[in-house]
N, C-alpha and C. Protein backbone atom coordinates (compact mmCIF):
# COMPACT_ATOMS: atom_id res chain seq x y z
N MET A 1 -8.00 17.10 13.94
CA MET A 1 -8.60 15.80 14.16
C MET A 1 -8.89 15.62 15.64
N THR A 2 -10.03 15.08 15.94
CA THR A 2 -10.40 14.88 17.33
C THR A 2 -9.87 13.56 17.85
N THR A 3 -9.83 13.42 19.16
CA THR A 3 -9.36 12.19 19.77
C THR A 3 -10.40 11.08 19.67
N THR A 4 -11.60 11.40 19.23
CA THR A 4 -12.65 10.40 19.10
C THR A 4 -12.73 9.85 17.68
N MET A 5 -11.66 10.00 16.91
CA MET A 5 -11.62 9.50 15.54
C MET A 5 -11.90 8.00 15.53
N SER A 6 -12.75 7.57 14.61
CA SER A 6 -13.01 6.15 14.45
C SER A 6 -13.06 5.80 12.98
N LEU A 7 -13.08 4.51 12.72
CA LEU A 7 -13.18 4.05 11.34
C LEU A 7 -14.45 4.56 10.67
N ASN A 8 -15.51 4.78 11.44
CA ASN A 8 -16.76 5.28 10.87
C ASN A 8 -16.62 6.67 10.27
N ASP A 9 -15.59 7.40 10.67
CA ASP A 9 -15.36 8.75 10.14
C ASP A 9 -14.63 8.74 8.79
N ILE A 10 -14.18 7.57 8.38
CA ILE A 10 -13.37 7.46 7.17
C ILE A 10 -14.15 6.70 6.11
N SER A 11 -14.18 7.26 4.90
CA SER A 11 -14.85 6.57 3.80
C SER A 11 -13.80 5.95 2.89
N LEU A 12 -14.18 4.86 2.24
CA LEU A 12 -13.33 4.19 1.27
C LEU A 12 -13.93 4.38 -0.11
N ARG A 13 -13.07 4.76 -1.04
CA ARG A 13 -13.50 4.95 -2.42
C ARG A 13 -12.67 4.02 -3.29
N ASN A 14 -13.33 3.31 -4.21
CA ASN A 14 -12.63 2.42 -5.13
C ASN A 14 -12.52 2.99 -6.53
N GLU A 15 -13.09 4.13 -6.76
CA GLU A 15 -13.03 4.76 -8.08
C GLU A 15 -11.77 5.64 -8.15
N LEU A 16 -10.95 5.38 -9.17
CA LEU A 16 -9.73 6.15 -9.37
C LEU A 16 -10.06 7.40 -10.18
N LEU A 17 -9.72 8.55 -9.63
CA LEU A 17 -10.00 9.83 -10.27
C LEU A 17 -8.70 10.54 -10.65
N PRO A 18 -8.75 11.42 -11.65
CA PRO A 18 -7.56 12.19 -12.00
C PRO A 18 -7.03 12.93 -10.77
N GLY A 19 -5.72 12.86 -10.59
CA GLY A 19 -5.07 13.51 -9.46
C GLY A 19 -4.79 12.57 -8.30
N ASP A 20 -5.53 11.46 -8.20
CA ASP A 20 -5.33 10.54 -7.08
C ASP A 20 -3.91 9.97 -7.05
N LEU A 21 -3.43 9.47 -8.19
CA LEU A 21 -2.11 8.84 -8.20
C LEU A 21 -1.00 9.86 -7.94
N GLY A 22 -1.16 11.07 -8.44
CA GLY A 22 -0.20 12.12 -8.16
C GLY A 22 -0.14 12.44 -6.68
N TYR A 23 -1.29 12.43 -6.03
CA TYR A 23 -1.33 12.69 -4.60
C TYR A 23 -0.69 11.55 -3.81
N VAL A 24 -0.88 10.33 -4.26
CA VAL A 24 -0.26 9.18 -3.61
C VAL A 24 1.26 9.29 -3.72
N ALA A 25 1.76 9.69 -4.88
CA ALA A 25 3.21 9.90 -5.03
C ALA A 25 3.69 11.00 -4.09
N TYR A 26 2.94 12.07 -4.00
CA TYR A 26 3.27 13.18 -3.10
C TYR A 26 3.35 12.70 -1.64
N LEU A 27 2.33 11.95 -1.21
CA LEU A 27 2.34 11.43 0.16
C LEU A 27 3.56 10.57 0.44
N HIS A 28 3.87 9.67 -0.49
CA HIS A 28 5.03 8.80 -0.31
C HIS A 28 6.32 9.62 -0.22
N GLY A 29 6.51 10.54 -1.16
CA GLY A 29 7.72 11.35 -1.15
C GLY A 29 7.86 12.14 0.13
N LEU A 30 6.80 12.79 0.54
CA LEU A 30 6.81 13.64 1.73
C LEU A 30 7.01 12.83 3.01
N LEU A 31 6.18 11.82 3.22
CA LEU A 31 6.23 11.06 4.47
C LEU A 31 7.50 10.23 4.61
N TYR A 32 7.94 9.58 3.55
CA TYR A 32 9.12 8.74 3.66
C TYR A 32 10.40 9.57 3.79
N ALA A 33 10.43 10.74 3.23
CA ALA A 33 11.59 11.63 3.45
C ALA A 33 11.63 12.06 4.91
N LYS A 34 10.49 12.45 5.43
CA LYS A 34 10.41 12.95 6.81
C LYS A 34 10.62 11.84 7.83
N GLU A 35 9.96 10.69 7.63
CA GLU A 35 9.97 9.63 8.64
C GLU A 35 11.14 8.67 8.50
N ARG A 36 11.66 8.46 7.29
CA ARG A 36 12.69 7.44 7.07
C ARG A 36 13.95 7.96 6.38
N GLY A 37 13.95 9.21 5.97
CA GLY A 37 15.14 9.77 5.32
C GLY A 37 15.36 9.31 3.89
N TYR A 38 14.30 8.87 3.22
CA TYR A 38 14.42 8.45 1.83
C TYR A 38 14.56 9.69 0.95
N GLY A 39 15.25 9.54 -0.18
CA GLY A 39 15.50 10.66 -1.07
C GLY A 39 14.67 10.64 -2.33
N LEU A 40 15.11 11.42 -3.30
CA LEU A 40 14.38 11.57 -4.56
C LEU A 40 14.30 10.27 -5.36
N ASN A 41 15.29 9.39 -5.21
CA ASN A 41 15.23 8.12 -5.93
C ASN A 41 14.03 7.28 -5.48
N PHE A 42 13.66 7.39 -4.21
CA PHE A 42 12.46 6.68 -3.74
C PHE A 42 11.22 7.25 -4.42
N GLU A 43 11.12 8.56 -4.47
CA GLU A 43 9.97 9.18 -5.12
C GLU A 43 9.91 8.79 -6.60
N GLY A 44 11.06 8.72 -7.24
CA GLY A 44 11.11 8.27 -8.64
C GLY A 44 10.62 6.84 -8.79
N TYR A 45 11.01 5.98 -7.85
CA TYR A 45 10.56 4.59 -7.84
C TYR A 45 9.03 4.53 -7.72
N VAL A 46 8.48 5.32 -6.81
CA VAL A 46 7.03 5.37 -6.62
C VAL A 46 6.35 5.87 -7.89
N LEU A 47 6.89 6.93 -8.47
CA LEU A 47 6.30 7.49 -9.69
C LEU A 47 6.35 6.49 -10.85
N ASP A 48 7.44 5.74 -10.96
CA ASP A 48 7.52 4.72 -12.02
C ASP A 48 6.40 3.69 -11.86
N GLY A 49 6.21 3.18 -10.66
CA GLY A 49 5.18 2.18 -10.41
C GLY A 49 3.78 2.72 -10.61
N LEU A 50 3.55 3.93 -10.15
CA LEU A 50 2.23 4.53 -10.33
C LEU A 50 1.96 4.83 -11.80
N GLY A 51 3.01 5.21 -12.53
CA GLY A 51 2.86 5.44 -13.97
C GLY A 51 2.48 4.16 -14.70
N GLU A 52 3.14 3.06 -14.35
CA GLU A 52 2.80 1.76 -14.94
C GLU A 52 1.33 1.45 -14.66
N PHE A 53 0.93 1.64 -13.42
CA PHE A 53 -0.45 1.35 -13.03
C PHE A 53 -1.44 2.22 -13.82
N ALA A 54 -1.14 3.50 -13.94
CA ALA A 54 -2.05 4.43 -14.65
C ALA A 54 -2.27 3.99 -16.09
N HIS A 55 -1.22 3.48 -16.74
CA HIS A 55 -1.32 3.08 -18.14
C HIS A 55 -2.01 1.74 -18.36
N ARG A 56 -2.03 0.90 -17.35
CA ARG A 56 -2.61 -0.43 -17.55
C ARG A 56 -3.79 -0.72 -16.62
N TYR A 57 -4.24 0.25 -15.87
CA TYR A 57 -5.31 0.07 -14.89
C TYR A 57 -6.56 -0.52 -15.53
N ASP A 58 -7.04 -1.62 -14.94
CA ASP A 58 -8.25 -2.29 -15.37
C ASP A 58 -9.12 -2.50 -14.12
N PRO A 59 -10.16 -1.68 -13.95
CA PRO A 59 -10.97 -1.79 -12.73
C PRO A 59 -11.60 -3.16 -12.51
N ALA A 60 -11.70 -3.97 -13.56
CA ALA A 60 -12.25 -5.32 -13.40
C ALA A 60 -11.23 -6.27 -12.76
N LYS A 61 -9.94 -5.95 -12.87
CA LYS A 61 -8.90 -6.83 -12.35
C LYS A 61 -8.10 -6.20 -11.22
N ASP A 62 -7.87 -4.91 -11.28
CA ASP A 62 -7.08 -4.20 -10.28
C ASP A 62 -8.03 -3.51 -9.30
N ARG A 63 -7.50 -3.14 -8.14
CA ARG A 63 -8.35 -2.48 -7.15
C ARG A 63 -7.54 -1.43 -6.41
N ILE A 64 -8.19 -0.34 -6.12
CA ILE A 64 -7.59 0.69 -5.28
C ILE A 64 -8.56 1.01 -4.16
N TRP A 65 -8.00 1.37 -3.03
CA TRP A 65 -8.78 1.81 -1.88
C TRP A 65 -8.24 3.18 -1.50
N ILE A 66 -9.05 4.19 -1.67
CA ILE A 66 -8.67 5.54 -1.30
C ILE A 66 -9.43 5.89 -0.03
N CYS A 67 -8.69 6.16 1.02
CA CYS A 67 -9.27 6.48 2.32
C CYS A 67 -9.43 7.99 2.40
N GLU A 68 -10.65 8.42 2.71
CA GLU A 68 -10.92 9.86 2.78
C GLU A 68 -11.56 10.22 4.11
N HIS A 69 -11.19 11.38 4.60
CA HIS A 69 -11.78 11.94 5.81
C HIS A 69 -11.99 13.42 5.56
N GLU A 70 -13.23 13.87 5.74
CA GLU A 70 -13.58 15.27 5.51
C GLU A 70 -13.10 15.74 4.13
N ALA A 71 -13.39 14.91 3.10
CA ALA A 71 -13.10 15.20 1.69
C ALA A 71 -11.61 15.30 1.38
N LYS A 72 -10.76 14.72 2.23
CA LYS A 72 -9.31 14.75 2.02
C LYS A 72 -8.79 13.32 1.99
N ILE A 73 -7.90 13.02 1.04
CA ILE A 73 -7.28 11.69 0.98
C ILE A 73 -6.31 11.57 2.15
N ILE A 74 -6.51 10.53 2.95
CA ILE A 74 -5.66 10.32 4.13
C ILE A 74 -4.94 8.97 4.08
N GLY A 75 -5.25 8.15 3.08
CA GLY A 75 -4.60 6.86 2.96
C GLY A 75 -4.90 6.21 1.63
N PHE A 76 -4.14 5.14 1.33
CA PHE A 76 -4.26 4.51 0.03
C PHE A 76 -3.72 3.08 0.09
N LEU A 77 -4.29 2.22 -0.73
CA LEU A 77 -3.79 0.86 -0.96
C LEU A 77 -4.14 0.47 -2.38
N MET A 78 -3.23 -0.26 -3.01
CA MET A 78 -3.45 -0.74 -4.38
C MET A 78 -3.28 -2.25 -4.43
N GLY A 79 -4.17 -2.92 -5.16
CA GLY A 79 -4.02 -4.31 -5.51
C GLY A 79 -3.82 -4.38 -7.01
N LEU A 80 -2.63 -4.74 -7.44
CA LEU A 80 -2.27 -4.77 -8.86
C LEU A 80 -2.24 -6.22 -9.34
N ASN A 81 -3.16 -6.57 -10.22
CA ASN A 81 -3.27 -7.93 -10.74
C ASN A 81 -2.09 -8.23 -11.65
N ARG A 82 -1.34 -9.27 -11.30
CA ARG A 82 -0.18 -9.70 -12.08
C ARG A 82 -0.42 -11.08 -12.70
N VAL A 83 -1.61 -11.36 -13.14
CA VAL A 83 -2.07 -12.60 -13.80
C VAL A 83 -2.22 -13.75 -12.81
N ASP A 84 -1.13 -14.25 -12.23
CA ASP A 84 -1.25 -15.39 -11.31
C ASP A 84 -1.12 -14.98 -9.85
N SER A 85 -0.93 -13.69 -9.61
CA SER A 85 -0.84 -13.19 -8.25
C SER A 85 -1.26 -11.72 -8.23
N VAL A 86 -1.40 -11.19 -7.03
CA VAL A 86 -1.74 -9.78 -6.85
C VAL A 86 -0.61 -9.13 -6.08
N GLN A 87 -0.16 -7.99 -6.57
CA GLN A 87 0.86 -7.24 -5.85
C GLN A 87 0.19 -6.18 -4.98
N LEU A 88 0.48 -6.21 -3.70
CA LEU A 88 0.00 -5.21 -2.77
C LEU A 88 1.01 -4.06 -2.81
N ARG A 89 0.51 -2.84 -3.10
CA ARG A 89 1.42 -1.70 -3.26
C ARG A 89 0.84 -0.43 -2.65
N TYR A 90 1.75 0.46 -2.31
CA TYR A 90 1.43 1.85 -1.92
C TYR A 90 0.48 1.94 -0.74
N PHE A 91 0.71 1.10 0.25
CA PHE A 91 -0.09 1.09 1.48
C PHE A 91 0.42 2.21 2.37
N ILE A 92 -0.38 3.26 2.53
CA ILE A 92 0.10 4.43 3.27
C ILE A 92 -1.06 5.15 3.94
N PHE A 93 -0.79 5.73 5.10
CA PHE A 93 -1.75 6.58 5.81
C PHE A 93 -1.01 7.79 6.35
N LEU A 94 -1.73 8.89 6.44
CA LEU A 94 -1.17 10.02 7.17
C LEU A 94 -0.97 9.59 8.63
N PRO A 95 0.08 10.07 9.28
CA PRO A 95 0.41 9.59 10.64
C PRO A 95 -0.73 9.70 11.64
N GLU A 96 -1.53 10.73 11.57
CA GLU A 96 -2.60 10.91 12.54
C GLU A 96 -3.75 9.92 12.38
N TYR A 97 -3.71 9.11 11.32
CA TYR A 97 -4.76 8.11 11.09
C TYR A 97 -4.26 6.68 11.34
N ARG A 98 -3.06 6.56 11.84
CA ARG A 98 -2.51 5.25 12.15
C ARG A 98 -3.00 4.82 13.54
N GLY A 99 -3.15 3.51 13.71
CA GLY A 99 -3.50 2.99 15.02
C GLY A 99 -4.98 2.95 15.34
N ILE A 100 -5.84 3.20 14.36
CA ILE A 100 -7.29 3.17 14.62
C ILE A 100 -7.97 1.96 13.97
N GLY A 101 -7.15 1.07 13.38
CA GLY A 101 -7.72 -0.12 12.76
C GLY A 101 -7.89 -0.02 11.26
N LEU A 102 -7.44 1.07 10.68
CA LEU A 102 -7.60 1.26 9.23
C LEU A 102 -6.77 0.25 8.44
N GLY A 103 -5.58 -0.07 8.91
CA GLY A 103 -4.74 -1.06 8.24
C GLY A 103 -5.41 -2.42 8.20
N LYS A 104 -5.99 -2.85 9.31
CA LYS A 104 -6.70 -4.14 9.35
C LYS A 104 -7.90 -4.11 8.41
N LYS A 105 -8.63 -3.00 8.43
CA LYS A 105 -9.79 -2.88 7.54
C LYS A 105 -9.37 -3.04 6.08
N LEU A 106 -8.28 -2.38 5.68
CA LEU A 106 -7.84 -2.47 4.29
C LEU A 106 -7.27 -3.84 3.96
N MET A 107 -6.61 -4.49 4.91
CA MET A 107 -6.12 -5.84 4.65
C MET A 107 -7.31 -6.79 4.44
N ASN A 108 -8.37 -6.62 5.21
CA ASN A 108 -9.57 -7.44 5.00
C ASN A 108 -10.19 -7.17 3.64
N GLU A 109 -10.21 -5.91 3.24
CA GLU A 109 -10.70 -5.54 1.90
C GLU A 109 -9.83 -6.19 0.82
N PHE A 110 -8.52 -6.19 1.02
CA PHE A 110 -7.59 -6.78 0.06
C PHE A 110 -7.84 -8.28 -0.09
N ILE A 111 -8.02 -8.97 1.03
CA ILE A 111 -8.30 -10.41 1.00
C ILE A 111 -9.63 -10.68 0.29
N SER A 112 -10.63 -9.89 0.56
CA SER A 112 -11.93 -10.04 -0.12
C SER A 112 -11.79 -9.84 -1.62
N TYR A 113 -11.00 -8.86 -2.02
CA TYR A 113 -10.74 -8.61 -3.45
C TYR A 113 -10.07 -9.81 -4.09
N MET A 114 -9.08 -10.40 -3.42
CA MET A 114 -8.41 -11.59 -3.97
C MET A 114 -9.42 -12.71 -4.20
N LYS A 115 -10.30 -12.93 -3.22
CA LYS A 115 -11.33 -13.98 -3.37
C LYS A 115 -12.26 -13.65 -4.52
N GLU A 116 -12.64 -12.39 -4.63
CA GLU A 116 -13.56 -11.95 -5.68
C GLU A 116 -13.00 -12.22 -7.08
N ILE A 117 -11.70 -11.97 -7.28
CA ILE A 117 -11.11 -12.18 -8.61
C ILE A 117 -10.52 -13.57 -8.77
N GLY A 118 -10.57 -14.40 -7.71
CA GLY A 118 -10.16 -15.79 -7.80
C GLY A 118 -8.67 -16.02 -7.83
N ILE A 119 -7.90 -15.15 -7.21
CA ILE A 119 -6.45 -15.32 -7.15
C ILE A 119 -6.07 -15.64 -5.71
N THR A 120 -5.21 -16.65 -5.53
CA THR A 120 -4.85 -17.08 -4.18
C THR A 120 -3.47 -16.61 -3.74
N LYS A 121 -2.67 -16.06 -4.65
CA LYS A 121 -1.30 -15.64 -4.30
C LYS A 121 -1.18 -14.12 -4.35
N ALA A 122 -0.44 -13.60 -3.36
CA ALA A 122 -0.16 -12.17 -3.32
C ALA A 122 1.28 -11.98 -2.86
N TYR A 123 1.84 -10.83 -3.21
CA TYR A 123 3.19 -10.50 -2.75
C TYR A 123 3.31 -8.99 -2.61
N LEU A 124 4.34 -8.60 -1.91
CA LEU A 124 4.64 -7.18 -1.75
C LEU A 124 6.13 -7.03 -1.50
N TRP A 125 6.61 -5.83 -1.74
CA TRP A 125 7.98 -5.45 -1.40
C TRP A 125 7.92 -4.35 -0.36
N THR A 126 8.79 -4.41 0.61
CA THR A 126 8.90 -3.37 1.62
C THR A 126 10.36 -3.31 2.05
N THR A 127 10.63 -2.59 3.12
CA THR A 127 11.99 -2.52 3.63
C THR A 127 12.01 -2.98 5.08
N ASN A 128 13.20 -3.29 5.54
CA ASN A 128 13.38 -3.73 6.92
C ASN A 128 12.94 -2.67 7.93
N GLU A 129 12.81 -1.44 7.52
CA GLU A 129 12.44 -0.35 8.42
C GLU A 129 10.94 -0.28 8.71
N GLN A 130 10.14 -1.02 8.00
CA GLN A 130 8.68 -0.91 8.13
C GLN A 130 8.14 -1.95 9.11
N GLU A 131 8.61 -1.90 10.35
CA GLU A 131 8.26 -2.93 11.33
C GLU A 131 6.76 -3.04 11.57
N GLU A 132 6.07 -1.91 11.71
CA GLU A 132 4.63 -1.95 11.98
C GLU A 132 3.88 -2.58 10.81
N ALA A 133 4.23 -2.20 9.60
CA ALA A 133 3.57 -2.76 8.42
C ALA A 133 3.87 -4.25 8.29
N ILE A 134 5.11 -4.63 8.53
CA ILE A 134 5.50 -6.04 8.43
C ILE A 134 4.71 -6.87 9.44
N ALA A 135 4.52 -6.35 10.64
CA ALA A 135 3.73 -7.07 11.65
C ALA A 135 2.31 -7.30 11.16
N LEU A 136 1.72 -6.30 10.51
CA LEU A 136 0.37 -6.44 9.96
C LEU A 136 0.36 -7.48 8.83
N TYR A 137 1.31 -7.38 7.92
CA TYR A 137 1.36 -8.31 6.79
C TYR A 137 1.50 -9.76 7.27
N THR A 138 2.37 -10.00 8.24
CA THR A 138 2.58 -11.37 8.71
C THR A 138 1.35 -11.90 9.44
N ARG A 139 0.60 -11.03 10.12
CA ARG A 139 -0.65 -11.48 10.75
C ARG A 139 -1.65 -11.97 9.70
N TYR A 140 -1.53 -11.46 8.48
CA TYR A 140 -2.44 -11.86 7.40
C TYR A 140 -1.85 -12.97 6.52
N GLY A 141 -0.74 -13.57 6.95
CA GLY A 141 -0.22 -14.74 6.26
C GLY A 141 0.93 -14.49 5.31
N PHE A 142 1.40 -13.27 5.20
CA PHE A 142 2.56 -13.00 4.35
C PHE A 142 3.81 -13.52 5.05
N ARG A 143 4.71 -14.14 4.27
CA ARG A 143 5.96 -14.69 4.79
C ARG A 143 7.13 -14.14 3.99
N LEU A 144 8.21 -13.85 4.69
CA LEU A 144 9.43 -13.34 4.06
C LEU A 144 10.00 -14.38 3.11
N THR A 145 10.21 -13.99 1.84
CA THR A 145 10.74 -14.94 0.85
C THR A 145 12.03 -14.46 0.19
N GLU A 146 12.37 -13.20 0.33
CA GLU A 146 13.58 -12.69 -0.33
C GLU A 146 14.05 -11.42 0.37
N GLU A 147 15.37 -11.27 0.45
CA GLU A 147 15.97 -10.05 1.00
C GLU A 147 17.13 -9.63 0.11
N LYS A 148 17.31 -8.32 -0.02
CA LYS A 148 18.47 -7.82 -0.76
C LYS A 148 18.87 -6.46 -0.20
N ARG A 149 20.17 -6.28 -0.03
CA ARG A 149 20.68 -4.98 0.40
C ARG A 149 20.48 -3.99 -0.73
N SER A 150 20.18 -2.75 -0.35
CA SER A 150 19.86 -1.76 -1.37
C SER A 150 20.21 -0.36 -0.87
N ASP A 151 20.59 0.49 -1.80
CA ASP A 151 20.70 1.92 -1.51
C ASP A 151 19.88 2.71 -2.53
N ALA A 152 18.88 2.02 -3.09
CA ALA A 152 18.06 2.59 -4.16
C ALA A 152 17.23 3.79 -3.71
N PHE A 153 17.03 3.92 -2.40
CA PHE A 153 16.19 5.02 -1.90
C PHE A 153 17.05 6.09 -1.23
N ASP A 154 18.33 6.14 -1.64
CA ASP A 154 19.29 7.13 -1.16
C ASP A 154 19.73 6.91 0.28
N LYS A 155 19.61 5.68 0.75
CA LYS A 155 20.17 5.27 2.04
C LYS A 155 20.28 3.76 2.04
N GLU A 156 21.17 3.23 2.85
CA GLU A 156 21.32 1.78 2.91
C GLU A 156 20.20 1.17 3.73
N LEU A 157 19.62 0.11 3.19
CA LEU A 157 18.57 -0.64 3.87
C LEU A 157 18.47 -2.01 3.23
N VAL A 158 17.53 -2.79 3.72
CA VAL A 158 17.28 -4.11 3.16
C VAL A 158 15.88 -4.12 2.59
N GLU A 159 15.78 -4.40 1.29
CA GLU A 159 14.47 -4.56 0.67
C GLU A 159 14.03 -6.01 0.91
N ARG A 160 12.74 -6.17 1.21
CA ARG A 160 12.21 -7.49 1.53
C ARG A 160 10.96 -7.79 0.71
N ARG A 161 10.91 -9.01 0.23
CA ARG A 161 9.71 -9.48 -0.45
C ARG A 161 8.97 -10.43 0.48
N TYR A 162 7.66 -10.24 0.54
CA TYR A 162 6.79 -11.11 1.32
C TYR A 162 5.76 -11.70 0.38
N ASP A 163 5.52 -13.01 0.52
CA ASP A 163 4.53 -13.71 -0.29
C ASP A 163 3.47 -14.33 0.61
N MET A 164 2.28 -14.48 0.06
CA MET A 164 1.18 -15.09 0.78
C MET A 164 0.37 -15.94 -0.20
N GLU A 165 -0.06 -17.10 0.27
CA GLU A 165 -0.96 -17.93 -0.52
C GLU A 165 -2.14 -18.33 0.35
N MET A 166 -3.32 -18.01 -0.16
CA MET A 166 -4.55 -18.33 0.57
C MET A 166 -5.09 -19.68 0.10
N VAL A 167 -5.74 -20.35 1.01
CA VAL A 167 -6.43 -21.60 0.69
C VAL A 167 -7.89 -21.37 1.03
N TYR A 168 -8.76 -21.48 0.00
CA TYR A 168 -10.20 -21.36 0.24
C TYR A 168 -10.97 -22.17 -0.75
């Protein structure tokens, strides 16, 4: 990757193709083990959620953003319609693509999607260790609503729920 990387070099795809969800699980397992010390239980958690999504995916209600650079998936975000709210899930980028504005671009896409489907409430779960992501979420109006101690990912941490309600 060159130092002149920009958002213009990255394409966004909304069409879910076979293999995409498996790759998203792979990225989560690999990166979170390396960067945060999460274990196999975390990967199982990711696989459970992606499996649920695969079985109920409705492109008219749900949305995915697959970030690609040079024909390679480098990031992902999912908006999962939960009837009265949207769950933001699986927001991830390869480390070399962080810090170029891709997170802001996807958050703007997520907000546009919420407006398009007419839902004003969104929520997400994360952990206390995701400081950079939490800073982004709070800039977009997400507020901490719940905390619980957990060792579900093979280490002690605090799981956090953030909720957001838009007015438009």
